[in-house]
PDB file of N, CA and C in Angstrom:
ATOM      1  N   MET A   1     132.531 108.694 110.486  1.00  0.00           N
ATOM      2  CA  MET A   1     133.573 107.786 110.748  1.00  0.00           C
ATOM      3  C   MET A   1     132.986 106.348 110.433  1.00  0.00           C
ATOM      4  N   LEU A   2     131.770 105.846 111.187  1.00  0.00           N
ATOM      5  CA  LEU A   2     131.278 104.573 110.931  1.00  0.00           C
ATOM      6  C   LEU A   2     130.730 104.233 109.497  1.00  0.00           C
ATOM      7  N   ALA A   3     130.712 105.288 108.688  1.00  0.00           N
ATOM      8  CA  ALA A   3     130.056 104.967 107.406  1.00  0.00           C
ATOM      9  C   ALA A   3     131.078 104.115 106.490  1.00  0.00           C
ATOM     10  N   GLN A   4     132.415 104.322 106.849  1.00  0.00           N
ATOM     11  CA  GLN A   4     133.555 103.631 106.119  1.00  0.00           C
ATOM     12  C   GLN A   4     133.759 102.264 106.937  1.00  0.00           C
ATOM     13  N   ILE A   5     133.114 101.963 107.751  1.00  0.00           N
ATOM     14  CA  ILE A   5     133.281 100.669 108.478  1.00  0.00           C
ATOM     15  C   ILE A   5     132.417  99.557 107.995  1.00  0.00           C
ATOM     16  N   GLN A   6     132.848  98.488 107.594  1.00  0.00           N
ATOM     17  CA  GLN A   6     131.747  97.442 107.188  1.00  0.00           C
ATOM     18  C   GLN A   6     132.277  96.270 107.867  1.00  0.00           C
ATOM     19  N   ILE A   7     131.037  95.548 108.425  1.00  0.00           N
ATOM     20  CA  ILE A   7     131.211  94.492 109.286  1.00  0.00           C
ATOM     21  C   ILE A   7     130.538  93.163 108.680  1.00  0.00           C
ATOM     22  N   ALA A   8     131.113  92.198 108.569  1.00  0.00           N
ATOM     23  CA  ALA A   8     130.536  91.155 107.767  1.00  0.00           C
ATOM     24  C   ALA A   8     130.685  89.671 108.614  1.00  0.00           C
ATOM     25  N   SER A   9     129.755  88.945 108.715  1.00  0.00           N
ATOM     26  CA  SER A   9     129.745  87.568 109.284  1.00  0.00           C
ATOM     27  C   SER A   9     130.104  86.614 108.278  1.00  0.00           C
ATOM     28  N   LEU A  10     130.975  85.607 108.445  1.00  0.00           N
ATOM     29  CA  LEU A  10     131.162  84.384 107.737  1.00  0.00           C
ATOM     30  C   LEU A  10     130.702  83.230 108.253  1.00  0.00           C
ATOM     31  N   SER A  11     129.867  82.461 107.481  1.00  0.00           N
ATOM     32  CA  SER A  11     129.506  81.134 108.185  1.00  0.00           C
ATOM     33  C   SER A  11     130.201  80.055 107.631  1.00  0.00           C
ATOM     34  N   SER A  12     130.321  79.051 108.221  1.00  0.00           N
ATOM     35  CA  SER A  12     131.079  77.681 107.924  1.00  0.00           C
ATOM     36  C   SER A  12     130.402  76.989 106.366  1.00  0.00           C
ATOM     37  N   LYS A  13     131.171  76.503 105.708  1.00  0.00           N
ATOM     38  CA  LYS A  13     130.832  75.583 104.716  1.00  0.00           C
ATOM     39  C   LYS A  13     131.283  74.162 104.836  1.00  0.00           C
ATOM     40  N   LEU A  14     131.906  74.020 106.035  1.00  0.00           N
ATOM     41  CA  LEU A  14     132.504  72.700 106.228  1.00  0.00           C
ATOM     42  C   LEU A  14     131.529  71.664 107.094  1.00  0.00           C
ATOM     43  N   LYS A  15     131.254  70.629 106.432  1.00  0.00           N
ATOM     44  CA  LYS A  15     130.555  69.651 107.152  1.00  0.00           C
ATOM     45  C   LYS A  15     131.297  69.226 108.475  1.00  0.00           C
ATOM     46  N   SER A  16     132.691  69.251 108.426  1.00  0.00           N
ATOM     47  CA  SER A  16     133.318  68.714 109.673  1.00  0.00           C
ATOM     48  C   SER A  16     133.394  69.812 110.768  1.00  0.00           C
ATOM     49  N   ALA A  17     132.899  71.092 110.437  1.00  0.00           N
ATOM     50  CA  ALA A  17     132.989  72.102 111.374  1.00  0.00           C
ATOM     51  C   ALA A  17     132.040  72.907 111.158  1.00  0.00           C
ATOM     52  N   PRO A  18     130.695  72.581 111.500  1.00  0.00           N
ATOM     53  CA  PRO A  18     129.694  73.500 111.157  1.00  0.00           C
ATOM     54  C   PRO A  18     129.535  74.894 112.146  1.00  0.00           C
ATOM     55  N   ASP A  19     130.346  74.732 113.319  1.00  0.00           N
ATOM     56  CA  ASP A  19     130.315  75.936 114.179  1.00  0.00           C
ATOM     57  C   ASP A  19     131.392  77.032 114.025  1.00  0.00           C
ATOM     58  N   ALA A  20     132.211  76.632 112.798  1.00  0.00           N
ATOM     59  CA  ALA A  20     133.120  77.696 112.565  1.00  0.00           C
ATOM     60  C   ALA A  20     132.619  78.765 112.021  1.00  0.00           C
ATOM     61  N   ASN A  21     133.092  80.078 112.385  1.00  0.00           N
ATOM     62  CA  ASN A  21     132.766  81.203 111.823  1.00  0.00           C
ATOM     63  C   ASN A  21     133.672  82.219 111.921  1.00  0.00           C
ATOM     64  N   ALA A  22     133.469  83.397 111.408  1.00  0.00           N
ATOM     65  CA  ALA A  22     134.322  84.656 111.372  1.00  0.00           C
ATOM     66  C   ALA A  22     133.765  85.916 111.330  1.00  0.00           C
ATOM     67  N   VAL A  23     134.193  86.946 111.741  1.00  0.00           N
ATOM     68  CA  VAL A  23     133.755  88.249 111.470  1.00  0.00           C
ATOM     69  C   VAL A  23     134.967  89.169 111.018  1.00  0.00           C
ATOM     70  N   VAL A  24     134.384  89.741 110.015  1.00  0.00           N
ATOM     71  CA  VAL A  24     135.577  90.916 109.257  1.00  0.00           C
ATOM     72  C   VAL A  24     135.031  92.242 109.449  1.00  0.00           C
ATOM     73  N   VAL A  25     135.874  92.969 110.114  1.00  0.00           N
ATOM     74  CA  VAL A  25     135.736  94.365 110.213  1.00  0.00           C
ATOM     75  C   VAL A  25     136.689  95.118 109.453  1.00  0.00           C
ATOM     76  N   TRP A  26     136.053  95.634 108.255  1.00  0.00           N
ATOM     77  CA  TRP A  26     136.967  96.173 107.202  1.00  0.00           C
ATOM     78  C   TRP A  26     136.559  97.764 107.243  1.00  0.00           C
ATOM     79  N   ASP A  27     137.904  98.577 106.907  1.00  0.00           N
ATOM     80  CA  ASP A  27     137.924  99.993 106.919  1.00  0.00           C
ATOM     81  C   ASP A  27     138.435 100.170 105.648  1.00  0.00           C
ATOM     82  N   GLU A  28     137.318 100.480 104.631  1.00  0.00           N
ATOM     83  CA  GLU A  28     137.705 100.987 103.276  1.00  0.00           C
ATOM     84  C   GLU A  28     138.626 102.039 103.053  1.00  0.00           C
ATOM     85  N   LYS A  29     138.516 103.127 103.780  1.00  0.00           N
ATOM     86  CA  LYS A  29     139.249 104.343 103.773  1.00  0.00           C
ATOM     87  C   LYS A  29     140.641 104.083 104.035  1.00  0.00           C
ATOM     88  N   LYS A  30     140.792 103.222 105.037  1.00  0.00           N
ATOM     89  CA  LYS A  30     142.311 102.964 105.499  1.00  0.00           C
ATOM     90  C   LYS A  30     142.968 101.798 104.851  1.00  0.00           C
ATOM     91  N   GLN A  31     141.969 100.959 103.901  1.00  0.00           N
ATOM     92  CA  GLN A  31     142.365  99.606 103.393  1.00  0.00           C
ATOM     93  C   GLN A  31     142.918  98.864 104.554  1.00  0.00           C
ATOM     94  N   LYS A  32     142.471  98.643 105.593  1.00  0.00           N
ATOM     95  CA  LYS A  32     142.862  97.834 106.467  1.00  0.00           C
ATOM     96  C   LYS A  32     141.607  97.170 107.172  1.00  0.00           C
ATOM     97  N   GLY A  33     141.776  95.996 107.902  1.00  0.00           N
ATOM     98  CA  GLY A  33     140.830  95.255 108.691  1.00  0.00           C
ATOM     99  C   GLY A  33     141.264  94.179 109.571  1.00  0.00           C
ATOM    100  N   ILE A  34     140.431  93.724 110.217  1.00  0.00           N
ATOM    101  CA  ILE A  34     140.565  92.652 111.422  1.00  0.00           C
ATOM    102  C   ILE A  34     139.725  91.637 111.012  1.00  0.00           C
ATOM    103  N   LEU A  35     140.290  90.381 111.052  1.00  0.00           N
ATOM    104  CA  LEU A  35     139.568  89.219 110.780  1.00  0.00           C
ATOM    105  C   LEU A  35     139.412  88.343 112.009  1.00  0.00           C
ATOM    106  N   LYS A  36     138.314  88.043 112.780  1.00  0.00           N
ATOM    107  CA  LYS A  36     138.317  87.230 114.043  1.00  0.00           C
ATOM    108  C   LYS A  36     137.589  86.076 113.774  1.00  0.00           C
ATOM    109  N   VAL A  37     138.404  84.927 113.967  1.00  0.00           N
ATOM    110  CA  VAL A  37     137.964  83.520 113.560  1.00  0.00           C
ATOM    111  C   VAL A  37     137.759  82.804 114.751  1.00  0.00           C
ATOM    112  N   THR A  38     136.607  82.011 114.656  1.00  0.00           N
ATOM    113  CA  THR A  38     136.448  81.087 115.943  1.00  0.00           C
ATOM    114  C   THR A  38     136.054  79.552 115.470  1.00  0.00           C
ATOM    115  N   GLU A  39     136.348  78.533 116.125  1.00  0.00           N
ATOM    116  CA  GLU A  39     136.082  77.413 115.852  1.00  0.00           C
ATOM    117  C   GLU A  39     136.531  76.671 114.373  1.00  0.00           C
ATOM    118  N   LEU A  40     137.553  77.388 113.778  1.00  0.00           N
ATOM    119  CA  LEU A  40     138.035  76.905 112.493  1.00  0.00           C
ATOM    120  C   LEU A  40     139.063  75.749 112.806  1.00  0.00           C
ATOM    121  N   PRO A  41     139.104  74.740 112.312  1.00  0.00           N
ATOM    122  CA  PRO A  41     139.898  73.629 112.480  1.00  0.00           C
ATOM    123  C   PRO A  41     141.465  73.990 112.142  1.00  0.00           C
ATOM    124  N   ARG A  42     142.345  73.450 113.121  1.00  0.00           N
ATOM    125  CA  ARG A  42     143.644  73.650 112.646  1.00  0.00           C
ATOM    126  C   ARG A  42     144.067  73.162 111.336  1.00  0.00           C
ATOM    127  N   ASN A  43     144.925  73.979 110.622  1.00  0.00           N
ATOM    128  CA  ASN A  43     145.018  73.376 109.079  1.00  0.00           C
ATOM    129  C   ASN A  43     146.599  72.773 109.324  1.00  0.00           C
ATOM    130  N   GLU A  44     146.872  71.829 108.154  1.00  0.00           N
ATOM    131  CA  GLU A  44     147.853  71.122 108.145  1.00  0.00           C
ATOM    132  C   GLU A  44     149.105  72.142 107.862  1.00  0.00           C
ATOM    133  N   ALA A  45     150.375  71.608 108.314  1.00  0.00           N
ATOM    134  CA  ALA A  45     151.437  72.507 108.296  1.00  0.00           C
ATOM    135  C   ALA A  45     151.859  72.883 106.727  1.00  0.00           C
ATOM    136  N   ASN A  46     151.377  72.132 105.723  1.00  0.00           N
ATOM    137  CA  ASN A  46     151.615  72.493 104.286  1.00  0.00           C
ATOM    138  C   ASN A  46     150.444  73.241 103.693  1.00  0.00           C
ATOM    139  N   ARG A  47     149.435  73.566 104.489  1.00  0.00           N
ATOM    140  CA  ARG A  47     148.307  74.459 104.061  1.00  0.00           C
ATOM    141  C   ARG A  47     148.309  75.733 105.013  1.00  0.00           C
ATOM    142  N   ASP A  48     147.634  76.790 104.340  1.00  0.00           N
ATOM    143  CA  ASP A  48     147.289  77.917 105.060  1.00  0.00           C
ATOM    144  C   ASP A  48     145.782  78.538 104.623  1.00  0.00           C
ATOM    145  N   TYR A  49     145.109  78.987 105.463  1.00  0.00           N
ATOM    146  CA  TYR A  49     143.777  79.494 105.219  1.00  0.00           C
ATOM    147  C   TYR A  49     144.193  81.017 104.651  1.00  0.00           C
ATOM    148  N   GLN A  50     143.514  81.442 103.705  1.00  0.00           N
ATOM    149  CA  GLN A  50     143.446  82.715 103.143  1.00  0.00           C
ATOM    150  C   GLN A  50     142.114  83.448 102.833  1.00  0.00           C
ATOM    151  N   LEU A  51     142.317  84.649 103.300  1.00  0.00           N
ATOM    152  CA  LEU A  51     141.114  85.695 103.059  1.00  0.00           C
ATOM    153  C   LEU A  51     141.005  86.326 101.841  1.00  0.00           C
ATOM    154  N   TRP A  52     139.864  86.372 101.358  1.00  0.00           N
ATOM    155  CA  TRP A  52     139.503  87.036 100.064  1.00  0.00           C
ATOM    156  C   TRP A  52     138.465  88.077 100.164  1.00  0.00           C
ATOM    157  N   LEU A  53     138.546  89.181  99.579  1.00  0.00           N
ATOM    158  CA  LEU A  53     137.522  90.316  99.504  1.00  0.00           C
ATOM    159  C   LEU A  53     137.136  90.203  98.160  1.00  0.00           C
ATOM    160  N   VAL A  54     135.721  90.382  97.993  1.00  0.00           N
ATOM    161  CA  VAL A  54     135.092  90.284  96.696  1.00  0.00           C
ATOM    162  C   VAL A  54     134.767  91.872  96.255  1.00  0.00           C
ATOM    163  N   ASP A  55     135.490  92.304  95.189  1.00  0.00           N
ATOM    164  CA  ASP A  55     135.315  93.576  94.730  1.00  0.00           C
ATOM    165  C   ASP A  55     134.851  93.661  93.280  1.00  0.00           C
ATOM    166  N   PRO A  56     133.627  93.979  92.980  1.00  0.00           N
ATOM    167  CA  PRO A  56     132.991  93.692  91.632  1.00  0.00           C
ATOM    168  C   PRO A  56     133.781  94.262  90.415  1.00  0.00           C
ATOM    169  N   ARG A  57     134.830  95.134  90.801  1.00  0.00           N
ATOM    170  CA  ARG A  57     135.704  95.867  89.695  1.00  0.00           C
ATOM    171  C   ARG A  57     136.606  94.852  89.134  1.00  0.00           C
ATOM    172  N   TYR A  58     136.774  93.661  90.009  1.00  0.00           N
ATOM    173  CA  TYR A  58     137.880  92.694  89.535  1.00  0.00           C
ATOM    174  C   TYR A  58     137.161  91.332  89.220  1.00  0.00           C
ATOM    175  N   LYS A  59     137.606  90.639  88.289  1.00  0.00           N
ATOM    176  CA  LYS A  59     137.331  89.324  87.856  1.00  0.00           C
ATOM    177  C   LYS A  59     137.355  88.280  89.137  1.00  0.00           C
ATOM    178  N   ASN A  60     138.448  88.327  89.826  1.00  0.00           N
ATOM    179  CA  ASN A  60     138.684  87.425  90.844  1.00  0.00           C
ATOM    180  C   ASN A  60     138.701  87.968  92.264  1.00  0.00           C
ATOM    181  N   PRO A  61     138.371  87.542  93.233  1.00  0.00           N
ATOM    182  CA  PRO A  61     138.679  88.053  94.619  1.00  0.00           C
ATOM    183  C   PRO A  61     140.111  88.495  94.785  1.00  0.00           C
ATOM    184  N   VAL A  62     140.112  89.663  95.812  1.00  0.00           N
ATOM    185  CA  VAL A  62     141.180  90.115  96.105  1.00  0.00           C
ATOM    186  C   VAL A  62     141.901  89.464  97.173  1.00  0.00           C
ATOM    187  N   ASP A  63     143.289  89.010  97.320  1.00  0.00           N
ATOM    188  CA  ASP A  63     143.948  88.486  98.256  1.00  0.00           C
ATOM    189  C   ASP A  63     143.999  89.380  99.594  1.00  0.00           C
ATOM    190  N   GLY A  64     143.361  88.798 100.784  1.00  0.00           N
ATOM    191  CA  GLY A  64     143.504  89.627 102.009  1.00  0.00           C
ATOM    192  C   GLY A  64     144.706  89.114 102.970  1.00  0.00           C
ATOM    193  N   GLY A  65     145.465  88.015 102.358  1.00  0.00           N
ATOM    194  CA  GLY A  65     146.295  87.596 103.511  1.00  0.00           C
ATOM    195  C   GLY A  65     146.204  86.162 103.672  1.00  0.00           C
ATOM    196  N   VAL A  66     147.180  85.660 104.311  1.00  0.00           N
ATOM    197  CA  VAL A  66     147.172  84.164 104.698  1.00  0.00           C
ATOM    198  C   VAL A  66     147.208  84.189 106.316  1.00  0.00           C
ATOM    199  N   PHE A  67     146.790  83.072 106.754  1.00  0.00           N
ATOM    200  CA  PHE A  67     146.848  82.721 108.323  1.00  0.00           C
ATOM    201  C   PHE A  67     146.846  81.322 108.460  1.00  0.00           C
ATOM    202  N   HIS A  68     147.203  81.154 109.818  1.00  0.00           N
ATOM    203  CA  HIS A  68     147.575  79.552 110.211  1.00  0.00           C
ATOM    204  C   HIS A  68     146.938  79.573 111.507  1.00  0.00           C
ATOM    205  N   VAL A  69     145.971  78.354 111.667  1.00  0.00           N
ATOM    206  CA  VAL A  69     145.398  78.264 112.841  1.00  0.00           C
ATOM    207  C   VAL A  69     145.959  76.975 113.502  1.00  0.00           C
ATOM    208  N   SER A  70     146.679  77.109 114.669  1.00  0.00           N
ATOM    209  CA  SER A  70     147.527  76.159 115.260  1.00  0.00           C
ATOM    210  C   SER A  70     146.583  75.513 116.268  1.00  0.00           C
ATOM    211  N   ASN A  71     145.569  76.227 116.861  1.00  0.00           N
ATOM    212  CA  ASN A  71     144.521  75.539 117.738  1.00  0.00           C
ATOM    213  C   ASN A  71     143.137  75.849 117.293  1.00  0.00           C
ATOM    214  N   LYS A  72     142.295  74.916 117.572  1.00  0.00           N
ATOM    215  CA  LYS A  72     140.855  75.221 117.250  1.00  0.00           C
ATOM    216  C   LYS A  72     140.352  76.177 118.535  1.00  0.00           C
ATOM    217  N   GLY A  73     139.977  77.500 117.974  1.00  0.00           N
ATOM    218  CA  GLY A  73     139.523  78.394 119.061  1.00  0.00           C
ATOM    219  C   GLY A  73     139.584  79.791 118.500  1.00  0.00           C
ATOM    220  N   GLU A  74     139.748  80.966 119.131  1.00  0.00           N
ATOM    221  CA  GLU A  74     139.849  82.159 118.473  1.00  0.00           C
ATOM    222  C   GLU A  74     141.108  82.639 118.045  1.00  0.00           C
ATOM    223  N   LEU A  75     140.998  83.483 116.958  1.00  0.00           N
ATOM    224  CA  LEU A  75     142.026  83.939 116.541  1.00  0.00           C
ATOM    225  C   LEU A  75     141.785  85.281 115.847  1.00  0.00           C
ATOM    226  N   SER A  76     142.513  86.375 116.217  1.00  0.00           N
ATOM    227  CA  SER A  76     142.370  87.588 115.559  1.00  0.00           C
ATOM    228  C   SER A  76     143.598  87.949 114.538  1.00  0.00           C
ATOM    229  N   VAL A  77     143.233  88.498 113.413  1.00  0.00           N
ATOM    230  CA  VAL A  77     144.463  88.551 112.373  1.00  0.00           C
ATOM    231  C   VAL A  77     143.952  89.924 111.635  1.00  0.00           C
ATOM    232  N   PRO A  78     145.128  90.983 111.829  1.00  0.00           N
ATOM    233  CA  PRO A  78     145.009  92.074 111.134  1.00  0.00           C
ATOM    234  C   PRO A  78     145.204  91.835 109.464  1.00  0.00           C
ATOM    235  N   PHE A  79     144.625  92.544 108.749  1.00  0.00           N
ATOM    236  CA  PHE A  79     144.896  92.165 107.084  1.00  0.00           C
ATOM    237  C   PHE A  79     144.850  93.478 106.312  1.00  0.00           C
ATOM    238  N   GLN A  80     145.521  93.263 105.337  1.00  0.00           N
ATOM    239  CA  GLN A  80     145.482  94.672 104.229  1.00  0.00           C
ATOM    240  C   GLN A  80     145.328  93.938 102.908  1.00  0.00           C
ATOM    241  N   PRO A  81     144.438  94.442 102.104  1.00  0.00           N
ATOM    242  CA  PRO A  81     144.496  93.473 100.639  1.00  0.00           C
ATOM    243  C   PRO A  81     145.621  93.811  99.901  1.00  0.00           C
ATOM    244  N   ALA A  82     145.901  93.094  98.987  1.00  0.00           N
ATOM    245  CA  ALA A  82     147.313  92.937  98.042  1.00  0.00           C
ATOM    246  C   ALA A  82     146.759  94.184  97.024  1.00  0.00           C
ATOM    247  N   THR A  83     145.668  94.434  96.500  1.00  0.00           N
ATOM    248  CA  THR A  83     145.097  95.497  95.757  1.00  0.00           C
ATOM    249  C   THR A  83     144.095  96.449  96.333  1.00  0.00           C
ATOM    250  N   GLN A  84     143.813  97.494  96.119  1.00  0.00           N
ATOM    251  CA  GLN A  84     142.931  98.428  96.524  1.00  0.00           C
ATOM    252  C   GLN A  84     141.363  97.857  96.362  1.00  0.00           C
ATOM    253  N   VAL A  85     140.979  97.935  97.324  1.00  0.00           N
ATOM    254  CA  VAL A  85     139.360  97.382  97.267  1.00  0.00           C
ATOM    255  C   VAL A  85     138.360  98.293  97.577  1.00  0.00           C
ATOM    256  N   ARG A  86     137.356  98.520  96.693  1.00  0.00           N
ATOM    257  CA  ARG A  86     136.232  99.405  96.960  1.00  0.00           C
ATOM    258  C   ARG A  86     134.873  98.735  96.785  1.00  0.00           C
ATOM    259  N   GLY A  87     134.051  99.145  97.756  1.00  0.00           N
ATOM    260  CA  GLY A  87     132.591  98.382  97.767  1.00  0.00           C
ATOM    261  C   GLY A  87     132.754  97.017  97.820  1.00  0.00           C
ATOM    262  N   ALA A  88     133.350  96.365  98.742  1.00  0.00           N
ATOM    263  CA  ALA A  88     133.440  94.962  98.952  1.00  0.00           C
ATOM    264  C   ALA A  88     132.096  94.423  99.074  1.00  0.00           C
ATOM    265  N   LYS A  89     131.848  93.545  98.473  1.00  0.00           N
ATOM    266  CA  LYS A  89     130.463  92.762  98.302  1.00  0.00           C
ATOM    267  C   LYS A  89     130.416  91.591  99.056  1.00  0.00           C
ATOM    268  N   GLY A  90     131.541  91.202  99.507  1.00  0.00           N
ATOM    269  CA  GLY A  90     131.467  89.710 100.242  1.00  0.00           C
ATOM    270  C   GLY A  90     133.061  89.371 100.812  1.00  0.00           C
ATOM    271  N   PHE A  91     133.091  88.465 101.342  1.00  0.00           N
ATOM    272  CA  PHE A  91     134.361  87.885 102.066  1.00  0.00           C
ATOM    273  C   PHE A  91     134.379  86.472 101.904  1.00  0.00           C
ATOM    274  N   ALA A  92     135.439  85.744 101.782  1.00  0.00           N
ATOM    275  CA  ALA A  92     135.554  84.329 101.862  1.00  0.00           C
ATOM    276  C   ALA A  92     136.943  83.886 102.446  1.00  0.00           C
ATOM    277  N   ILE A  93     136.988  82.674 102.922  1.00  0.00           N
ATOM    278  CA  ILE A  93     138.350  82.175 103.471  1.00  0.00           C
ATOM    279  C   ILE A  93     138.435  80.694 102.761  1.00  0.00           C
ATOM    280  N   SER A  94     139.641  80.617 102.234  1.00  0.00           N
ATOM    281  CA  SER A  94     139.797  79.330 101.525  1.00  0.00           C
ATOM    282  C   SER A  94     141.082  78.643 102.130  1.00  0.00           C
ATOM    283  N   LEU A  95     141.161  77.318 101.900  1.00  0.00           N
ATOM    284  CA  LEU A  95     142.248  76.473 102.373  1.00  0.00           C
ATOM    285  C   LEU A  95     143.109  76.472 101.190  1.00  0.00           C
ATOM    286  N   GLU A  96     144.330  76.861 101.298  1.00  0.00           N
ATOM    287  CA  GLU A  96     145.345  76.822 100.126  1.00  0.00           C
ATOM    288  C   GLU A  96     146.526  76.148 100.634  1.00  0.00           C
ATOM    289  N   ARG A  97     147.457  76.232  99.491  1.00  0.00           N
ATOM    290  CA  ARG A  97     148.651  75.712  99.704  1.00  0.00           C
ATOM    291  C   ARG A  97     149.396  76.785 100.665  1.00  0.00           C
ATOM    292  N   LYS A  98     150.620  76.370 101.406  1.00  0.00           N
ATOM    293  CA  LYS A  98     151.281  76.949 102.144  1.00  0.00           C
ATOM    294  C   LYS A  98     151.833  78.290 101.621  1.00  0.00           C
ATOM    295  N   GLY A  99     151.649  79.532 102.097  1.00  0.00           N
ATOM    296  CA  GLY A  99     152.175  80.849 101.589  1.00  0.00           C
ATOM    297  C   GLY A  99     151.020  81.440 100.686  1.00  0.00           C
ATOM    298  N   GLY A 100     150.168  80.587 100.339  1.00  0.00           N
ATOM    299  CA  GLY A 100     148.899  81.403  99.706  1.00  0.00           C
ATOM    300  C   GLY A 100     149.121  81.314  98.166  1.00  0.00           C
ATOM    301  N   VAL A 101     147.944  81.909  97.490  1.00  0.00           N
ATOM    302  CA  VAL A 101     147.936  81.914  96.102  1.00  0.00           C
ATOM    303  C   VAL A 101     147.290  83.094  95.449  1.00  0.00           C
ATOM    304  N   THR A 102     147.716  83.594  94.322  1.00  0.00           N
ATOM    305  CA  THR A 102     147.193  84.788  93.747  1.00  0.00           C
ATOM    306  C   THR A 102     145.837  84.855  93.378  1.00  0.00           C
ATOM    307  N   LYS A 103     145.150  83.405  93.037  1.00  0.00           N
ATOM    308  CA  LYS A 103     143.933  83.236  92.643  1.00  0.00           C
ATOM    309  C   LYS A 103     143.380  81.974  93.514  1.00  0.00           C
ATOM    310  N   ALA A 104     142.338  82.092  94.081  1.00  0.00           N
ATOM    311  CA  ALA A 104     141.816  80.959  95.016  1.00  0.00           C
ATOM    312  C   ALA A 104     141.848  79.624  94.108  1.00  0.00           C
ATOM    313  N   GLU A 105     142.283  78.782  94.915  1.00  0.00           N
ATOM    314  CA  GLU A 105     142.361  77.177  94.270  1.00  0.00           C
ATOM    315  C   GLU A 105     141.664  76.278  95.145  1.00  0.00           C
ATOM    316  N   GLY A 106     141.845  76.335  96.403  1.00  0.00           N
ATOM    317  CA  GLY A 106     141.369  75.116  97.199  1.00  0.00           C
ATOM    318  C   GLY A 106     139.864  75.639  97.751  1.00  0.00           C
ATOM    319  N   PRO A 107     139.299  74.764  98.545  1.00  0.00           N
ATOM    320  CA  PRO A 107     137.950  75.008  98.916  1.00  0.00           C
ATOM    321  C   PRO A 107     137.722  75.958  99.745  1.00  0.00           C
ATOM    322  N   ILE A 108     136.513  76.712  99.500  1.00  0.00           N
ATOM    323  CA  ILE A 108     136.095  77.904 100.464  1.00  0.00           C
ATOM    324  C   ILE A 108     135.546  77.241 101.656  1.00  0.00           C
ATOM    325  N   VAL A 109     135.997  77.746 102.791  1.00  0.00           N
ATOM    326  CA  VAL A 109     135.617  77.139 104.151  1.00  0.00           C
ATOM    327  C   VAL A 109     134.676  77.976 104.971  1.00  0.00           C
ATOM    328  N   LEU A 110     134.844  79.296 104.805  1.00  0.00           N
ATOM    329  CA  LEU A 110     133.860  80.166 105.154  1.00  0.00           C
ATOM    330  C   LEU A 110     133.400  81.462 104.156  1.00  0.00           C
ATOM    331  N   LEU A 111     132.422  81.740 104.319  1.00  0.00           N
ATOM    332  CA  LEU A 111     131.609  82.683 103.260  1.00  0.00           C
ATOM    333  C   LEU A 111     130.745  83.657 103.793  1.00  0.00           C
ATOM    334  N   GLY A 112     130.731  84.959 103.396  1.00  0.00           N
ATOM    335  CA  GLY A 112     129.819  85.832 103.892  1.00  0.00           C
ATOM    336  C   GLY A 112     129.582  87.227 103.222  1.00  0.00           C
ATOM    337  N   LYS A 113     128.769  88.146 103.686  1.00  0.00           N
ATOM    338  CA  LYS A 113     128.850  89.424 102.971  1.00  0.00           C
ATOM    339  C   LYS A 113     128.751  90.331 104.130  1.00  0.00           C
TER     340      LYS A 113
END
C-alpha cells in the first residue's frame, strides 16, 4: 500500500513569505491527495491559489484544483486532478485569477518534488 503513496515537500519561491511551505500526500492508485499548506499569505479576493501536478506524459502540468487562504496559517485541502496522473515528477502552487485556469499563468509560489 505504501508503494502507491508519494509525499512531496514544496518550498517557497516568495521573497515576501520565505517560510511558506506545503506537503503533498499523493495516492496515485486512488487519484486523490491531500495538500497541507503553512505560512502561505492570504490571497486577494479576486485570486486563488492553484495546485499543479507534473506528469511527464503531458506538455503542461495537470490542474489539481484551487484553494483560498483566508488566514496566514495552516490549511489542509483534499484534491483530485482534472486528468489522470501517472508517475508525478513534481508539484507546484501558483497564484491565479479567481476560479483557476486550465494552464498556469500566474507566478509559482511553492515548488517541490
